[in-house]
N, C-alpha and C. Protein backbone atom coordinates (compact mmCIF):
# COMPACT_ATOMS: atom_id res chain seq x y z
N MET A 1 -6.66 -2.19 -16.48
CA MET A 1 -5.53 -3.07 -16.65
C MET A 1 -4.23 -2.26 -16.60
N SER A 2 -3.28 -2.77 -15.86
CA SER A 2 -1.98 -2.11 -15.80
C SER A 2 -1.04 -2.77 -16.80
N GLU A 3 0.17 -2.26 -16.85
CA GLU A 3 1.17 -2.85 -17.73
C GLU A 3 1.81 -4.07 -17.09
N ASN A 4 1.52 -4.32 -15.83
CA ASN A 4 2.13 -5.44 -15.11
C ASN A 4 1.08 -6.51 -14.84
N PRO A 5 1.17 -7.67 -15.50
CA PRO A 5 0.18 -8.72 -15.30
C PRO A 5 0.15 -9.24 -13.85
N MET A 6 1.30 -9.19 -13.16
CA MET A 6 1.34 -9.65 -11.77
C MET A 6 0.48 -8.74 -10.90
N THR A 7 0.57 -7.44 -11.12
CA THR A 7 -0.26 -6.49 -10.37
C THR A 7 -1.73 -6.74 -10.65
N ASP A 8 -2.06 -6.99 -11.91
CA ASP A 8 -3.45 -7.29 -12.27
C ASP A 8 -3.95 -8.54 -11.55
N ALA A 9 -3.10 -9.55 -11.49
CA ALA A 9 -3.48 -10.80 -10.81
C ALA A 9 -3.68 -10.57 -9.32
N PHE A 10 -2.79 -9.78 -8.71
CA PHE A 10 -2.94 -9.47 -7.28
C PHE A 10 -4.22 -8.68 -7.03
N ASP A 11 -4.49 -7.70 -7.89
CA ASP A 11 -5.71 -6.91 -7.73
C ASP A 11 -6.95 -7.78 -7.85
N ALA A 12 -6.96 -8.70 -8.81
CA ALA A 12 -8.10 -9.60 -9.01
C ALA A 12 -8.27 -10.52 -7.81
N ALA A 13 -7.17 -11.06 -7.30
CA ALA A 13 -7.23 -11.95 -6.13
C ALA A 13 -7.71 -11.20 -4.91
N GLU A 14 -7.23 -9.96 -4.74
CA GLU A 14 -7.66 -9.16 -3.60
C GLU A 14 -9.15 -8.84 -3.70
N GLU A 15 -9.61 -8.51 -4.90
CA GLU A 15 -11.02 -8.20 -5.09
C GLU A 15 -11.88 -9.43 -4.80
N GLU A 16 -11.42 -10.58 -5.26
CA GLU A 16 -12.15 -11.82 -4.99
C GLU A 16 -12.18 -12.13 -3.50
N GLN A 17 -11.05 -11.92 -2.85
CA GLN A 17 -10.97 -12.16 -1.41
C GLN A 17 -11.88 -11.20 -0.65
N SER A 18 -11.94 -9.94 -1.08
CA SER A 18 -12.81 -8.96 -0.44
C SER A 18 -14.27 -9.34 -0.58
N GLU A 19 -14.64 -9.85 -1.76
CA GLU A 19 -16.02 -10.27 -1.97
C GLU A 19 -16.37 -11.48 -1.10
N THR A 20 -15.42 -12.38 -0.94
CA THR A 20 -15.64 -13.58 -0.15
C THR A 20 -15.71 -13.26 1.34
N ASN A 21 -14.74 -12.45 1.79
CA ASN A 21 -14.63 -12.15 3.22
C ASN A 21 -15.45 -10.94 3.62
N GLY A 22 -15.83 -10.15 2.68
CA GLY A 22 -16.54 -8.92 3.01
C GLY A 22 -15.55 -7.81 3.29
N VAL A 23 -15.88 -6.63 2.85
CA VAL A 23 -15.01 -5.49 3.09
C VAL A 23 -15.04 -5.15 4.57
N GLY A 24 -13.90 -4.75 5.09
CA GLY A 24 -13.84 -4.38 6.49
C GLY A 24 -13.61 -5.57 7.41
N ASP A 25 -13.10 -6.68 6.86
CA ASP A 25 -12.79 -7.80 7.74
C ASP A 25 -11.65 -7.40 8.66
N ASP A 26 -11.24 -8.27 9.51
CA ASP A 26 -10.27 -7.94 10.55
C ASP A 26 -8.83 -8.19 10.10
N PHE A 27 -8.43 -7.57 9.01
CA PHE A 27 -7.06 -7.68 8.54
C PHE A 27 -6.17 -6.88 9.49
N ASP A 28 -5.14 -7.51 10.01
CA ASP A 28 -4.28 -6.89 11.02
C ASP A 28 -3.09 -6.19 10.37
N THR A 29 -3.20 -4.89 10.16
CA THR A 29 -2.08 -4.15 9.57
C THR A 29 -1.04 -3.78 10.61
N GLU A 30 -1.39 -3.81 11.87
CA GLU A 30 -0.44 -3.41 12.93
C GLU A 30 0.83 -4.24 12.90
N ARG A 31 0.70 -5.54 12.69
CA ARG A 31 1.91 -6.38 12.69
C ARG A 31 2.81 -6.02 11.51
N TYR A 32 2.22 -5.58 10.41
CA TYR A 32 3.01 -5.15 9.26
C TYR A 32 3.64 -3.79 9.52
N LEU A 33 2.91 -2.90 10.17
CA LEU A 33 3.48 -1.59 10.50
C LEU A 33 4.68 -1.75 11.43
N GLU A 34 4.61 -2.68 12.36
CA GLU A 34 5.72 -2.91 13.28
C GLU A 34 6.96 -3.41 12.54
N ALA A 35 6.75 -4.25 11.53
CA ALA A 35 7.87 -4.81 10.77
C ALA A 35 8.36 -3.88 9.67
N LEU A 36 7.58 -2.86 9.36
CA LEU A 36 7.87 -1.99 8.22
C LEU A 36 9.25 -1.35 8.29
N ASN A 37 9.62 -0.82 9.42
CA ASN A 37 10.87 -0.07 9.54
C ASN A 37 11.65 -0.54 10.76
N SER A 38 11.48 -1.79 11.10
CA SER A 38 12.13 -2.35 12.27
C SER A 38 13.64 -2.43 12.10
N ASP A 39 14.35 -2.07 13.16
CA ASP A 39 15.82 -2.16 13.10
C ASP A 39 16.28 -3.60 12.98
N GLY A 40 15.51 -4.53 13.57
CA GLY A 40 15.92 -5.93 13.56
C GLY A 40 15.52 -6.69 12.31
N ALA A 41 14.65 -6.12 11.51
CA ALA A 41 14.19 -6.81 10.31
C ALA A 41 15.29 -6.78 9.24
N PRO A 42 15.48 -7.89 8.55
CA PRO A 42 16.51 -7.89 7.50
C PRO A 42 16.13 -6.96 6.35
N LYS A 43 17.11 -6.27 5.84
CA LYS A 43 16.89 -5.37 4.70
C LYS A 43 17.30 -6.16 3.45
N GLU A 44 16.35 -6.93 2.93
CA GLU A 44 16.66 -7.84 1.83
C GLU A 44 16.10 -7.39 0.49
N LYS A 45 15.34 -6.33 0.47
CA LYS A 45 14.77 -5.79 -0.77
C LYS A 45 15.30 -4.38 -0.98
N THR A 46 15.33 -3.96 -2.23
CA THR A 46 15.74 -2.60 -2.53
C THR A 46 14.63 -1.88 -3.27
N VAL A 47 14.62 -0.57 -3.14
CA VAL A 47 13.67 0.28 -3.84
C VAL A 47 14.50 1.18 -4.75
N GLY A 48 14.25 1.10 -6.03
CA GLY A 48 15.00 1.91 -6.97
C GLY A 48 14.27 3.20 -7.27
N ILE A 49 14.97 4.29 -7.12
CA ILE A 49 14.39 5.61 -7.40
C ILE A 49 15.33 6.32 -8.35
N ALA A 50 14.83 6.72 -9.50
CA ALA A 50 15.66 7.46 -10.45
C ALA A 50 15.90 8.86 -9.93
N VAL A 51 17.15 9.29 -9.99
CA VAL A 51 17.53 10.63 -9.55
C VAL A 51 18.46 11.26 -10.59
N THR A 52 18.65 12.55 -10.46
CA THR A 52 19.59 13.25 -11.33
C THR A 52 21.02 12.94 -10.90
N ALA A 53 21.96 13.24 -11.77
CA ALA A 53 23.37 13.05 -11.43
C ALA A 53 23.75 13.87 -10.20
N GLU A 54 23.17 15.06 -10.10
CA GLU A 54 23.47 15.94 -8.95
C GLU A 54 22.98 15.32 -7.64
N MET A 55 21.75 14.78 -7.66
CA MET A 55 21.21 14.16 -6.45
C MET A 55 22.00 12.90 -6.09
N HIS A 56 22.40 12.15 -7.10
CA HIS A 56 23.18 10.94 -6.86
C HIS A 56 24.51 11.28 -6.19
N ALA A 57 25.19 12.30 -6.70
CA ALA A 57 26.46 12.72 -6.10
C ALA A 57 26.26 13.22 -4.67
N PHE A 58 25.20 14.00 -4.45
CA PHE A 58 24.90 14.51 -3.11
C PHE A 58 24.58 13.37 -2.14
N TYR A 59 23.79 12.41 -2.59
CA TYR A 59 23.43 11.26 -1.76
C TYR A 59 24.69 10.54 -1.28
N HIS A 60 25.59 10.26 -2.20
CA HIS A 60 26.81 9.54 -1.82
C HIS A 60 27.71 10.37 -0.92
N GLU A 61 27.74 11.67 -1.14
CA GLU A 61 28.54 12.53 -0.27
C GLU A 61 27.95 12.56 1.14
N LEU A 62 26.62 12.63 1.24
CA LEU A 62 25.95 12.57 2.55
C LEU A 62 26.28 11.26 3.26
N GLN A 63 26.23 10.20 2.49
CA GLN A 63 26.48 8.87 3.04
C GLN A 63 27.91 8.74 3.59
N ASN A 64 28.85 9.38 2.93
CA ASN A 64 30.26 9.24 3.29
C ASN A 64 30.80 10.33 4.21
N ALA A 65 30.04 11.39 4.43
CA ALA A 65 30.53 12.52 5.23
C ALA A 65 30.51 12.18 6.72
N ASP A 66 31.66 12.27 7.34
CA ASP A 66 31.76 11.98 8.78
C ASP A 66 31.12 13.08 9.61
N GLU A 67 31.13 14.31 9.12
CA GLU A 67 30.61 15.43 9.90
C GLU A 67 29.09 15.56 9.85
N VAL A 68 28.44 14.77 9.00
CA VAL A 68 26.99 14.81 8.87
C VAL A 68 26.40 13.57 9.54
N GLU A 69 25.53 13.82 10.50
CA GLU A 69 24.92 12.70 11.22
C GLU A 69 23.55 12.37 10.65
N VAL A 70 23.56 11.86 9.43
CA VAL A 70 22.32 11.46 8.78
C VAL A 70 22.60 10.21 7.95
N ASN A 71 21.64 9.34 7.94
CA ASN A 71 21.72 8.15 7.11
C ASN A 71 20.66 8.31 6.03
N PRO A 72 21.06 8.64 4.81
CA PRO A 72 20.06 8.91 3.76
C PRO A 72 19.12 7.73 3.52
N ALA A 73 19.63 6.52 3.55
CA ALA A 73 18.77 5.35 3.32
C ALA A 73 17.73 5.23 4.43
N GLN A 74 18.15 5.46 5.68
CA GLN A 74 17.20 5.38 6.80
C GLN A 74 16.18 6.51 6.70
N SER A 75 16.59 7.66 6.22
CA SER A 75 15.65 8.77 6.04
C SER A 75 14.55 8.40 5.06
N VAL A 76 14.92 7.72 3.98
CA VAL A 76 13.92 7.27 3.00
C VAL A 76 12.99 6.25 3.64
N ARG A 77 13.55 5.28 4.39
CA ARG A 77 12.71 4.28 5.08
C ARG A 77 11.75 4.96 6.05
N ASP A 78 12.25 5.95 6.80
CA ASP A 78 11.40 6.68 7.75
C ASP A 78 10.25 7.39 7.02
N HIS A 79 10.57 7.99 5.88
CA HIS A 79 9.53 8.69 5.12
C HIS A 79 8.48 7.71 4.60
N LEU A 80 8.90 6.56 4.11
CA LEU A 80 7.94 5.56 3.63
C LEU A 80 7.05 5.07 4.78
N GLU A 81 7.62 4.94 5.96
CA GLU A 81 6.81 4.54 7.12
C GLU A 81 5.76 5.60 7.42
N LYS A 82 6.15 6.86 7.37
CA LYS A 82 5.19 7.95 7.60
C LYS A 82 4.07 7.91 6.56
N LEU A 83 4.43 7.63 5.31
CA LEU A 83 3.42 7.53 4.26
C LEU A 83 2.47 6.36 4.51
N ALA A 84 2.98 5.27 5.05
CA ALA A 84 2.13 4.12 5.37
C ALA A 84 1.08 4.50 6.41
N HIS A 85 1.47 5.30 7.39
CA HIS A 85 0.52 5.75 8.41
C HIS A 85 -0.46 6.78 7.84
N ARG A 86 0.03 7.59 6.92
CA ARG A 86 -0.80 8.63 6.32
C ARG A 86 -1.81 8.08 5.31
N HIS A 87 -1.47 6.94 4.70
CA HIS A 87 -2.33 6.33 3.67
C HIS A 87 -2.60 4.87 4.03
N PRO A 88 -3.37 4.64 5.09
CA PRO A 88 -3.57 3.27 5.59
C PRO A 88 -4.25 2.34 4.59
N ASP A 89 -5.14 2.87 3.75
CA ASP A 89 -5.82 2.01 2.77
C ASP A 89 -4.83 1.47 1.74
N VAL A 90 -3.94 2.32 1.28
CA VAL A 90 -2.93 1.89 0.31
C VAL A 90 -1.97 0.91 0.97
N PHE A 91 -1.60 1.18 2.21
CA PHE A 91 -0.71 0.28 2.94
C PHE A 91 -1.36 -1.09 3.12
N GLU A 92 -2.63 -1.11 3.52
CA GLU A 92 -3.33 -2.39 3.70
C GLU A 92 -3.39 -3.15 2.38
N LYS A 93 -3.67 -2.47 1.30
CA LYS A 93 -3.73 -3.13 -0.01
C LYS A 93 -2.38 -3.77 -0.34
N ALA A 94 -1.30 -3.06 -0.08
CA ALA A 94 0.03 -3.59 -0.34
C ALA A 94 0.32 -4.82 0.52
N MET A 95 -0.12 -4.78 1.78
CA MET A 95 0.15 -5.92 2.67
C MET A 95 -0.70 -7.13 2.30
N ARG A 96 -1.90 -6.88 1.83
CA ARG A 96 -2.74 -7.99 1.34
C ARG A 96 -2.08 -8.65 0.13
N LYS A 97 -1.55 -7.83 -0.77
CA LYS A 97 -0.86 -8.37 -1.95
C LYS A 97 0.38 -9.15 -1.52
N LEU A 98 1.08 -8.64 -0.51
CA LEU A 98 2.26 -9.33 -0.01
C LEU A 98 1.89 -10.69 0.55
N GLU A 99 0.79 -10.77 1.28
CA GLU A 99 0.33 -12.06 1.81
C GLU A 99 0.03 -13.03 0.68
N ILE A 100 -0.65 -12.56 -0.36
CA ILE A 100 -0.96 -13.41 -1.49
C ILE A 100 0.33 -13.89 -2.16
N GLU A 101 1.28 -12.97 -2.33
CA GLU A 101 2.55 -13.31 -2.95
C GLU A 101 3.28 -14.37 -2.13
N ARG A 102 3.25 -14.25 -0.82
CA ARG A 102 3.95 -15.20 0.05
C ARG A 102 3.31 -16.59 0.02
N GLU A 103 2.03 -16.66 -0.33
CA GLU A 103 1.37 -17.96 -0.44
C GLU A 103 1.90 -18.76 -1.61
N PHE A 104 2.42 -18.07 -2.61
CA PHE A 104 2.93 -18.74 -3.81
C PHE A 104 4.40 -18.77 -3.75
């Protein structure tokens, strides 16, 4: 049991769905991977990451520096996309939970 009842409910629903459908069904993660870091997809959610005051100041300076050609927010999105490819089972689990959430 986690500290988040919503996560517990998603895990239980996913487990029930896996038992019903059988493990290894044809869940299509490709369509989610395509939408994961798409330039055209709306950026309507935020991910909060606690950082030190020093990192916070550096992040904002990077964001505002004209001489630096980097977008720190896009760099984080790119890294999360790489992690999704590196950990496909975790990514699939997250997308299954997202589907369940969207049903409600």
